[in-house]
C-alpha cells in the first residue's frame, strides 16, 4: 500500500494503544519525563527563593533564555492549527493522519511557552496584575497585545483540537468500558446523527477560516514586542513576516519529529507513511528557503545601512563573541536541511527527521541570537554586558521540554492520535464512488 489513501479499514492499530495495558517502556518514559519536570520545578523554586541573581541575566541583559524559550515555544505551536487549517482549506487529502498530531502540539506548546514570561518576571505574583488589564494595562504596549493574542489563540486552538475529537470520543464511549465515564462527559451526547454531523462540519469550517489569521497575528505580535522598540537590529519592519516564517519552519519540523516517534512507538506505519514525510519535507524545504531569504535580507539591509549601533550588534554575530552561534545557526537551519530535503532520494523518513532535529536546534539559536546580542549592545551608554546562562535556566528549559512531551504522551494514551472518523468517512466515500461507477457501467464486481 504505497498510496497515501490506502489506509487499513481496521481501526485496531489506532485503538489498541488506548485500551491495552501499558508496558514497561511507557512507565519508564513517564518516570523519566516526570523526573525532569520535577527538577525543573525545583530549579524554578530555587530561583524564586534566591532571586534572579541565580541566572546569568544582568544589566543591561535583562532578557535571556527565558524570552528565547517563549518565542521558540510560541513558534512551534504553529505546527498545529495553522498547518492543519491550511491543509483543510486546500482540501489536501493526505492531511488526515497528520492534522491531530499537529493540533495537539499547538495546544501543549501554548500551555508551556507563556510560562517563560512569568518565570522571567522573578516576582510571580506580578503576573496577576495583567488579569484586570482594563484597569492596569495600557493598550499602547505590545506586551498587552501579546497577552490578548496568545489567550485568544490558546482558546481557539483547544476548540479546534476538541471539535474533531468528539466523534472518536463517542466511539470509545460506546465500544469500551475502560474510562467510559470520562469519554461520556467529553462526547457531549454525540450520536452521529445527520444534524449533529452538519453542525460539526459547519463549526469546523468556521474554525478553519478563523484560526489562520489568529495564528498569523500571534507571532506577528510576538515580533512587535521587539520591533516596536528602538533597540539596534530589533526596530525592523521585516520582523513580522520573519517571525511568522520562522514559526511555521520550526512548527513543521516539530510535527515531523512527533510523527516519527508516534509511528515507531505506536506502530502506525500503515497510517503515517513515507509519502506524508515526503510532502511535509517539501513544505519544510520551502520554509527553509524562505527563512534563508528573510535572514539574508535582514542582515544585508543592516550591513548596507551601516548605522553604528546596528553594526555593533551585527559584528558581534559575524565576528565577535556570538560568531560560532551564528555559524551553527546557518548550518542547522539551512545547510543540513537543504542537503537532506532537496534531493528526493534523501527526503526519506530518516532524512526529514534529521533535518527537523537540526532545524529546531537552529531555530532556538536564532531566537537566542535575536534576544541577547542586541541587549548586550544597548543604545544608551551602558557598559557592554556578557550573558552566560546558568544551570538554573537550563534546568527550567529542560523541565519545559519534558512538560510538553509528557502532556503529549498523556494525550496519545487517552485519545486516538489519528482521526478515526475522518478516515472512515473517506473509506465510505470511496466505496460509494466505486459502487456508483459499477452501477453506471453495469459491472457489479467492485
Protein backbone atom coordinates (compact mmCIF):
# COMPACT_ATOMS: atom_id res chain seq x y z
CA UNK A 1 0.00 0.00 0.00
CA UNK A 2 2.13 2.84 -1.26
CA UNK A 3 -0.51 5.47 -1.94
CA UNK A 4 -1.43 7.82 0.89
CA UNK A 5 -5.15 6.95 0.52
CA UNK A 6 -4.56 3.23 1.13
CA UNK A 7 -5.30 3.17 4.85
CA UNK A 8 -6.42 -0.03 6.61
CA UNK A 9 -10.16 -0.49 7.12
CA UNK A 10 -9.48 -1.94 10.57
CA UNK A 11 -9.04 0.68 13.33
CA UNK A 12 -7.40 -1.75 15.75
CA UNK A 13 -3.95 -0.21 15.36
CA UNK A 14 -5.33 3.19 16.39
CA UNK A 15 -7.44 1.97 19.31
CA UNK A 16 -5.17 -0.70 20.82
CA UNK A 17 -2.68 1.78 22.33
CA UNK A 18 -5.57 3.34 24.26
CA UNK A 19 -7.12 0.15 25.56
CA UNK A 20 -4.29 -2.29 26.18
CA UNK A 21 -2.26 -2.31 29.35
CA UNK A 22 0.74 -0.02 29.22
CA UNK A 23 4.14 -1.66 29.04
CA UNK A 24 7.36 -1.05 30.90
CA UNK A 25 8.67 1.42 28.34
CA UNK A 26 5.60 3.60 28.77
CA UNK A 27 6.06 3.83 32.52
CA UNK A 28 9.81 4.29 32.12
CA UNK A 29 9.17 7.21 29.75
CA UNK A 30 6.65 8.74 32.15
CA UNK A 31 9.06 8.35 35.07
CA UNK A 32 11.97 9.98 33.19
CA UNK A 33 9.89 12.90 31.94
CA UNK A 34 8.32 13.40 35.37
CA UNK A 35 11.77 13.44 36.99
CA UNK A 36 12.95 16.15 34.57
CA UNK A 37 9.78 18.16 35.19
CA UNK A 38 10.32 17.83 38.96
CA UNK A 39 13.92 19.04 38.58
CA UNK A 40 12.71 22.00 36.53
CA UNK A 41 10.17 22.90 39.22
CA UNK A 42 12.85 22.60 41.90
CA UNK A 43 15.09 24.95 39.89
CA UNK A 44 12.26 27.44 39.49
CA UNK A 45 11.59 27.28 43.24
CA UNK A 46 15.29 27.85 43.86
CA UNK A 47 15.14 30.94 41.62
CA UNK A 48 12.03 32.28 43.38
CA UNK A 49 13.67 31.79 46.77
CA UNK A 50 17.04 33.34 45.84
CA UNK A 51 16.03 35.85 43.18
CA UNK A 52 17.01 36.34 39.55
CA UNK A 53 20.63 36.70 40.66
CA UNK A 54 20.96 32.91 40.27
CA UNK A 55 20.51 33.35 36.50
CA UNK A 56 23.03 34.77 34.05
CA UNK A 57 20.94 37.87 33.43
CA UNK A 58 22.47 41.19 34.37
CA UNK A 59 22.47 44.85 33.46
CA UNK A 60 21.87 45.55 30.58
CA UNK A 61 20.88 41.97 29.55
CA UNK A 62 17.50 41.67 31.28
CA UNK A 63 16.17 39.02 28.88
CA UNK A 64 17.91 35.73 28.24
CA UNK A 65 17.00 32.10 27.70
CA UNK A 66 13.51 32.57 29.12
CA UNK A 67 12.37 35.01 26.44
CA UNK A 68 14.15 32.97 23.75
CA UNK A 69 12.21 29.94 25.01
CA UNK A 70 8.97 31.91 24.96
CA UNK A 71 9.42 32.85 21.30
CA UNK A 72 10.56 29.30 20.46
CA UNK A 73 7.56 27.54 22.03
CA UNK A 74 5.09 30.01 20.53
CA UNK A 75 6.81 29.31 17.22
CA UNK A 76 6.45 25.53 17.31
CA UNK A 77 2.80 26.00 18.26
CA UNK A 78 2.29 26.88 14.59
CA UNK A 79 2.84 23.18 13.86
CA UNK A 80 -0.81 22.55 14.56
CA UNK A 81 -3.72 24.81 13.94
CA UNK A 82 -2.09 26.91 11.21
CA UNK A 83 -0.68 24.00 9.20
CA UNK A 84 -3.79 21.89 9.82
CA UNK A 85 -6.12 24.74 8.86
CA UNK A 86 -4.21 25.48 5.65
CA UNK A 87 -4.30 21.80 4.66
CA UNK A 88 -8.02 21.63 5.41
CA UNK A 89 -8.74 24.77 3.36
CA UNK A 90 -6.77 23.42 0.39
CA UNK A 91 -8.56 20.05 0.67
CA UNK A 92 -5.25 18.17 0.83
CA UNK A 93 -6.45 14.59 1.28
CA UNK A 94 -3.09 13.37 2.60
CA UNK A 95 -3.54 15.59 5.67
CA UNK A 96 -5.99 13.32 7.54
CA UNK A 97 -3.48 11.21 9.51
CA UNK A 98 -1.43 14.35 10.23
CA UNK A 99 -3.83 17.01 11.47
CA UNK A 100 -4.49 15.76 15.01
CA UNK A 101 -0.80 15.09 15.65
CA UNK A 102 -0.18 18.71 14.68
CA UNK A 103 -3.08 20.28 16.56
CA UNK A 104 -2.03 18.62 19.83
CA UNK A 105 1.45 20.17 19.53
CA UNK A 106 -0.13 23.61 19.24
CA UNK A 107 -2.19 23.32 22.41
CA UNK A 108 0.61 21.97 24.59
CA UNK A 109 3.24 24.38 23.24
CA UNK A 110 0.88 27.27 24.00
CA UNK A 111 0.45 25.96 27.54
CA UNK A 112 4.21 25.80 28.13
CA UNK A 113 5.50 28.83 26.20
CA UNK A 114 3.87 31.74 28.09
CA UNK A 115 5.10 30.34 31.41
CA UNK A 116 8.55 31.63 30.45
CA UNK A 117 7.34 35.21 30.73
CA UNK A 118 6.16 34.56 34.30
CA UNK A 119 9.46 32.86 35.13
CA UNK A 120 11.36 35.82 33.70
CA UNK A 121 9.45 38.23 35.95
CA UNK A 122 11.09 36.81 39.05
CA UNK A 123 8.15 38.00 41.16
CA UNK A 124 5.47 35.52 40.07
CA UNK A 125 2.69 37.46 41.81
CA UNK A 126 3.21 40.37 39.41
CA UNK A 127 1.69 38.26 36.63
CA UNK A 128 -1.68 38.72 38.37
CA UNK A 129 -1.58 42.42 37.50
CA UNK A 130 -2.26 41.59 33.86
CA UNK A 131 -5.60 39.88 34.62
CA UNK A 132 -7.56 43.10 35.22
CA UNK A 133 -5.85 44.58 32.15
CA UNK A 134 -8.72 47.01 31.61
CA UNK A 135 -7.68 48.66 34.89
CA UNK A 136 -3.87 48.38 34.96
CA UNK A 137 -2.92 47.58 31.38
CA UNK A 138 -2.04 50.08 28.68
CA UNK A 139 -3.14 49.07 25.21
CA UNK A 140 -0.30 51.14 23.75
CA UNK A 141 2.03 48.33 24.88
CA UNK A 142 2.78 45.39 22.54
CA UNK A 143 3.16 43.28 25.69
CA UNK A 144 -0.57 43.61 26.33
CA UNK A 145 -1.33 42.87 22.68
CA UNK A 146 0.70 39.69 23.17
CA UNK A 147 -1.32 38.61 26.19
CA UNK A 148 -4.62 39.12 24.35
CA UNK A 149 -3.49 37.36 21.15
CA UNK A 150 -1.99 34.33 22.90
CA UNK A 151 -5.07 33.91 25.11
CA UNK A 152 -7.37 34.00 22.08
CA UNK A 153 -5.05 31.65 20.18
CA UNK A 154 -4.96 29.12 23.04
CA UNK A 155 -8.76 29.07 23.41
CA UNK A 156 -9.22 28.80 19.64
CA UNK A 157 -6.64 26.00 19.38
CA UNK A 158 -8.23 23.97 22.18
CA UNK A 159 -11.59 24.30 20.42
CA UNK A 160 -10.02 23.43 17.05
CA UNK A 161 -8.49 20.28 18.57
CA UNK A 162 -11.59 19.29 20.53
CA UNK A 163 -14.27 19.56 17.83
CA UNK A 164 -12.88 16.83 15.51
CA UNK A 165 -12.23 14.67 18.58
CA UNK A 166 -15.91 14.41 19.56
CA UNK A 167 -16.92 11.56 17.16
CA UNK A 168 -13.89 9.49 18.16
CA UNK A 169 -14.55 10.08 21.86
CA UNK A 170 -18.15 8.91 21.35
CA UNK A 171 -16.87 5.78 19.61
CA UNK A 172 -14.63 4.98 22.59
CA UNK A 173 -17.55 5.66 24.93
CA UNK A 174 -19.78 3.15 23.14
CA UNK A 175 -17.19 0.50 22.39
CA UNK A 176 -15.19 0.18 25.60
CA UNK A 177 -15.93 0.17 29.30
CA UNK A 178 -12.50 1.48 30.19
CA UNK A 179 -12.73 5.16 31.17
CA UNK A 180 -16.34 5.25 29.88
CA UNK A 181 -17.39 7.92 32.41
CA UNK A 182 -14.59 10.14 31.15
CA UNK A 183 -15.48 9.71 27.49
CA UNK A 184 -19.21 10.13 28.25
CA UNK A 185 -18.59 13.60 29.65
CA UNK A 186 -16.38 14.71 26.74
CA UNK A 187 -18.56 13.24 23.99
CA UNK A 188 -21.36 15.77 24.71
CA UNK A 189 -24.06 13.26 23.85
CA UNK A 190 -22.77 12.63 20.32
CA UNK A 191 -24.82 10.02 18.43
CA UNK A 192 -23.64 10.68 14.88
CA UNK A 193 -27.00 11.90 13.63
CA UNK A 194 -27.08 13.85 10.33
CA UNK A 195 -27.97 17.05 12.20
CA UNK A 196 -25.00 16.66 14.57
CA UNK A 197 -22.66 15.98 11.66
CA UNK A 198 -23.92 19.04 9.83
CA UNK A 199 -23.37 21.25 12.90
CA UNK A 200 -19.89 19.79 13.48
CA UNK A 201 -18.85 20.32 9.86
CA UNK A 202 -20.12 23.90 9.96
CA UNK A 203 -18.24 24.68 13.19
CA UNK A 204 -15.06 23.11 11.81
CA UNK A 205 -15.36 25.12 8.60
CA UNK A 206 -15.77 28.37 10.56
CA UNK A 207 -12.88 27.45 12.86
CA UNK A 208 -10.64 26.62 9.91
CA UNK A 209 -11.16 30.06 8.39
CA UNK A 210 -10.79 31.99 11.67
CA UNK A 211 -7.75 30.16 13.03
CA UNK A 212 -5.44 31.17 10.16
CA UNK A 213 -5.48 34.96 10.78
CA UNK A 214 -5.40 34.35 14.55
CA UNK A 215 -2.28 32.18 14.25
CA UNK A 216 -0.54 34.65 11.94
CA UNK A 217 -1.40 37.56 14.24
CA UNK A 218 0.07 35.80 17.29
CA UNK A 219 3.62 35.53 16.03
CA UNK A 220 3.38 38.90 14.34
CA UNK A 221 2.53 40.47 17.70
CA UNK A 222 5.33 38.46 19.36
CA UNK A 223 7.73 40.05 16.87
CA UNK A 224 6.35 43.51 17.66
CA UNK A 225 7.43 43.09 21.28
CA UNK A 226 10.92 43.53 19.82
CA UNK A 227 10.28 45.59 16.68
CA UNK A 228 8.28 48.34 18.41
CA UNK A 229 11.37 49.31 20.40
CA UNK A 230 14.31 51.31 19.02
CA UNK A 231 16.91 48.74 20.02
CA UNK A 232 19.54 48.01 17.33
CA UNK A 233 18.58 45.18 14.93
CA UNK A 234 15.14 44.93 16.55
CA UNK A 235 13.49 48.02 15.09
CA UNK A 236 12.73 46.42 11.73
CA UNK A 237 9.61 46.26 9.55
CA UNK A 238 10.58 42.78 8.37
CA UNK A 239 10.27 41.23 11.84
CA UNK A 240 6.55 40.39 11.50
CA UNK A 241 6.77 38.11 8.42
CA UNK A 242 10.24 36.97 9.50
CA UNK A 243 8.87 35.63 12.79
CA UNK A 244 5.84 34.03 11.12
CA UNK A 245 8.04 32.20 8.60
CA UNK A 246 10.35 31.06 11.39
CA UNK A 247 7.38 29.85 13.43
CA UNK A 248 5.99 27.74 10.59
CA UNK A 249 9.50 26.49 9.86
CA UNK A 250 10.12 25.19 13.38
CA UNK A 251 6.48 24.09 13.67
CA UNK A 252 6.68 21.73 10.69
CA UNK A 253 9.98 20.38 12.00
CA UNK A 254 8.40 19.64 15.40
CA UNK A 255 5.47 17.91 13.71
CA UNK A 256 7.77 15.63 11.70
CA UNK A 257 9.68 14.61 14.84
CA UNK A 258 6.43 13.89 16.71
CA UNK A 259 5.06 11.85 13.78
CA UNK A 260 8.23 9.76 13.55
CA UNK A 261 8.15 8.96 17.27
CA UNK A 262 4.43 8.08 17.18
CA UNK A 263 4.91 5.97 14.07
CA UNK A 264 7.62 3.92 15.78
CA UNK A 265 6.22 3.63 19.31
CA UNK A 266 2.53 3.09 18.41
CA UNK A 267 3.22 1.03 15.27
CA UNK A 268 1.34 3.37 12.95
CA UNK A 269 3.33 2.50 9.82
CA UNK A 270 0.12 1.81 7.89
CA UNK A 271 -1.17 5.33 8.58
CA UNK A 272 1.90 7.58 8.75
CA UNK A 273 3.55 6.63 5.50
CA UNK A 274 6.78 7.78 3.83
CA UNK A 275 4.70 9.90 1.46
CA UNK A 276 3.43 12.01 4.38
CA UNK A 277 7.01 12.70 5.45
CA UNK A 278 7.88 13.44 1.83
CA UNK A 279 5.11 16.04 1.49
CA UNK A 280 5.96 17.63 4.83
CA UNK A 281 9.62 17.55 3.81
CA UNK A 282 8.76 19.55 0.70
CA UNK A 283 6.91 22.10 2.85
CA UNK A 284 9.90 22.20 5.18
CA UNK A 285 12.25 22.80 2.24
CA UNK A 286 10.07 25.69 1.06
CA UNK A 287 10.12 27.28 4.50
CA UNK A 288 13.88 26.67 4.72
CA UNK A 289 14.42 28.72 1.56
CA UNK A 290 12.04 31.43 2.78
CA UNK A 291 13.81 31.58 6.14
CA UNK A 292 17.19 31.96 4.41
CA UNK A 293 15.78 34.71 2.18
CA UNK A 294 14.46 36.71 5.15
CA UNK A 295 17.67 36.20 7.12
CA UNK A 296 19.82 37.31 4.19
CA UNK A 297 17.60 40.35 3.57
CA UNK A 298 17.69 41.36 7.24
CA UNK A 299 21.45 41.17 7.61
CA UNK A 300 22.19 42.69 4.19
CA UNK A 301 19.95 45.68 4.98
CA UNK A 302 21.68 46.18 8.32
CA UNK A 303 25.14 45.97 6.74
CA UNK A 304 24.27 48.34 3.90
CA UNK A 305 22.76 50.92 6.31
CA UNK A 306 25.94 50.84 8.42
CA UNK A 307 24.41 52.60 11.42
CA UNK A 308 26.95 52.41 14.28
CA UNK A 309 24.54 50.98 16.89
CA UNK A 310 23.28 48.32 14.48
CA UNK A 311 26.76 47.46 13.25
CA UNK A 312 27.92 46.83 16.82
CA UNK A 313 25.32 44.08 17.12
CA UNK A 314 25.97 42.93 13.55
CA UNK A 315 29.70 42.40 14.14
CA UNK A 316 29.09 40.69 17.47
CA UNK A 317 27.33 37.96 15.46
CA UNK A 318 29.62 37.90 12.43
CA UNK A 319 32.98 38.42 14.03
CA UNK A 320 32.53 38.74 17.77
CA UNK A 321 31.59 36.57 20.71
CA UNK A 322 28.45 35.20 19.02
CA UNK A 323 30.12 34.19 15.74
CA UNK A 324 30.11 30.45 16.41
CA UNK A 325 26.46 30.58 17.45
CA UNK A 326 25.61 32.36 14.18
CA UNK A 327 27.57 29.90 12.02
CA UNK A 328 25.97 26.95 13.80
CA UNK A 329 22.53 28.53 13.26
CA UNK A 330 23.14 28.82 9.49
CA UNK A 331 24.41 25.24 9.29
CA UNK A 332 21.47 23.77 11.23
CA UNK A 333 18.73 25.95 9.75
CA UNK A 334 19.84 25.95 6.13
CA UNK A 335 22.83 23.77 5.16
CA UNK A 336 21.78 20.48 6.80
CA UNK A 337 18.05 20.80 5.88
CA UNK A 338 18.89 21.67 2.28
CA UNK A 339 21.23 18.68 1.96
CA UNK A 340 18.59 16.25 3.25
CA UNK A 341 15.44 17.80 1.79
CA UNK A 342 16.42 18.98 -1.70
CA UNK A 343 17.32 15.56 -3.21
CA UNK A 344 14.27 13.28 -3.41
CA UNK A 345 16.34 10.20 -2.56
CA UNK A 346 17.34 11.70 0.81
CA UNK A 347 13.86 13.02 1.62
CA UNK A 348 13.01 9.83 3.49
CA UNK A 349 11.60 9.46 6.99
CA UNK A 350 15.14 9.37 8.41
CA UNK A 351 16.25 12.30 6.26
CA UNK A 352 13.32 14.53 7.21
CA UNK A 353 13.76 13.70 10.91
CA UNK A 354 17.48 14.57 10.82
CA UNK A 355 16.67 17.85 9.07
CA UNK A 356 13.89 18.58 11.59
CA UNK A 357 16.10 18.00 14.62
CA UNK A 358 18.74 20.30 13.14
CA UNK A 359 16.11 22.95 12.38
CA UNK A 360 14.72 23.02 15.92
CA UNK A 361 18.23 23.40 17.34
CA UNK A 362 18.99 26.15 14.85
CA UNK A 363 15.70 27.98 15.38
CA UNK A 364 16.25 28.03 19.13
CA UNK A 365 19.67 29.54 18.46
CA UNK A 366 18.07 32.09 16.15
CA UNK A 367 15.75 33.25 18.96
CA UNK A 368 18.73 33.40 21.33
CA UNK A 369 20.69 35.49 18.79
CA UNK A 370 17.76 37.86 18.39
CA UNK A 371 17.41 38.47 22.14
CA UNK A 372 20.88 38.50 23.69
CA UNK A 373 23.32 40.29 21.31
CA UNK A 374 21.06 43.33 20.97
CA UNK A 375 20.69 43.69 24.74
CA UNK A 376 24.45 43.33 25.18
CA UNK A 377 24.97 46.32 22.86
CA UNK A 378 22.36 48.90 24.01
CA UNK A 379 21.96 52.38 22.53
CA UNK A 380 22.30 54.02 25.93
CA UNK A 381 25.83 54.42 27.35
CA UNK A 382 25.70 51.25 29.46
CA UNK A 383 28.73 49.08 29.82
CA UNK A 384 28.55 46.14 27.42
CA UNK A 385 27.32 43.03 29.18
CA UNK A 386 28.17 39.35 28.79
CA UNK A 387 25.50 36.72 29.28
CA UNK A 388 26.23 33.14 30.31
CA UNK A 389 23.14 31.06 31.19
CA UNK A 390 23.36 29.15 34.46
CA UNK A 391 22.27 25.66 35.46
CA UNK A 392 19.02 27.13 36.77
CA UNK A 393 18.00 28.43 33.34
CA UNK A 394 18.99 25.24 31.53
CA UNK A 395 17.18 23.12 34.13
CA UNK A 396 13.97 25.11 33.74
CA UNK A 397 14.25 24.84 29.94
CA UNK A 398 14.67 21.05 30.22
CA UNK A 399 11.64 20.92 32.52
CA UNK A 400 9.55 22.82 29.98
CA UNK A 401 10.52 20.48 27.13
CA UNK A 402 9.74 17.49 29.35
CA UNK A 403 6.37 19.01 30.28
CA UNK A 404 5.45 19.39 26.61
CA UNK A 405 6.47 15.79 25.90
CA UNK A 406 4.63 14.50 28.99
CA UNK A 407 1.38 16.23 28.00
CA UNK A 408 1.70 14.79 24.50
CA UNK A 409 2.27 11.25 25.84
CA UNK A 410 -0.81 11.51 28.08
CA UNK A 411 -2.89 12.81 25.17
CA UNK A 412 -1.81 9.94 22.91
CA UNK A 413 -2.75 7.48 25.66
CA UNK A 414 -6.24 8.94 26.19
CA UNK A 415 -7.31 9.77 22.63
CA UNK A 416 -6.67 8.45 19.11
CA UNK A 417 -3.73 10.41 17.75
CA UNK A 418 -5.13 9.94 14.24
CA UNK A 419 -8.72 10.91 13.41
CA UNK A 420 -10.59 7.61 13.03
CA UNK A 421 -13.92 9.03 11.88
CA UNK A 422 -12.32 11.09 9.11
CA UNK A 423 -10.53 8.02 7.76
CA UNK A 424 -13.78 6.03 7.96
CA UNK A 425 -15.66 8.72 6.09
CA UNK A 426 -13.04 8.66 3.36
CA UNK A 427 -13.37 4.88 3.02
CA UNK A 428 -17.16 5.18 2.86
CA UNK A 429 -16.96 7.92 0.21
CA UNK A 430 -14.54 5.86 -1.87
CA UNK A 431 -16.72 2.75 -1.62
CA UNK A 432 -19.82 4.76 -2.56
CA UNK A 433 -17.98 6.15 -5.59
CA UNK A 434 -16.90 2.67 -6.68
CA UNK A 435 -20.44 1.31 -6.27
CA UNK A 436 -21.91 4.20 -8.23
CA UNK A 437 -19.41 3.65 -11.01
CA UNK A 438 -20.14 -0.07 -11.01
CA UNK A 439 -23.90 0.52 -11.33
CA UNK A 440 -23.35 3.08 -14.08
CA UNK A 441 -21.10 0.80 -16.12
CA UNK A 442 -23.15 -2.33 -15.42
CA UNK A 443 -20.29 -4.05 -13.65
CA UNK A 444 -21.01 -5.22 -10.10
CA UNK A 445 -17.55 -6.61 -9.37
CA UNK A 446 -16.35 -3.87 -7.07
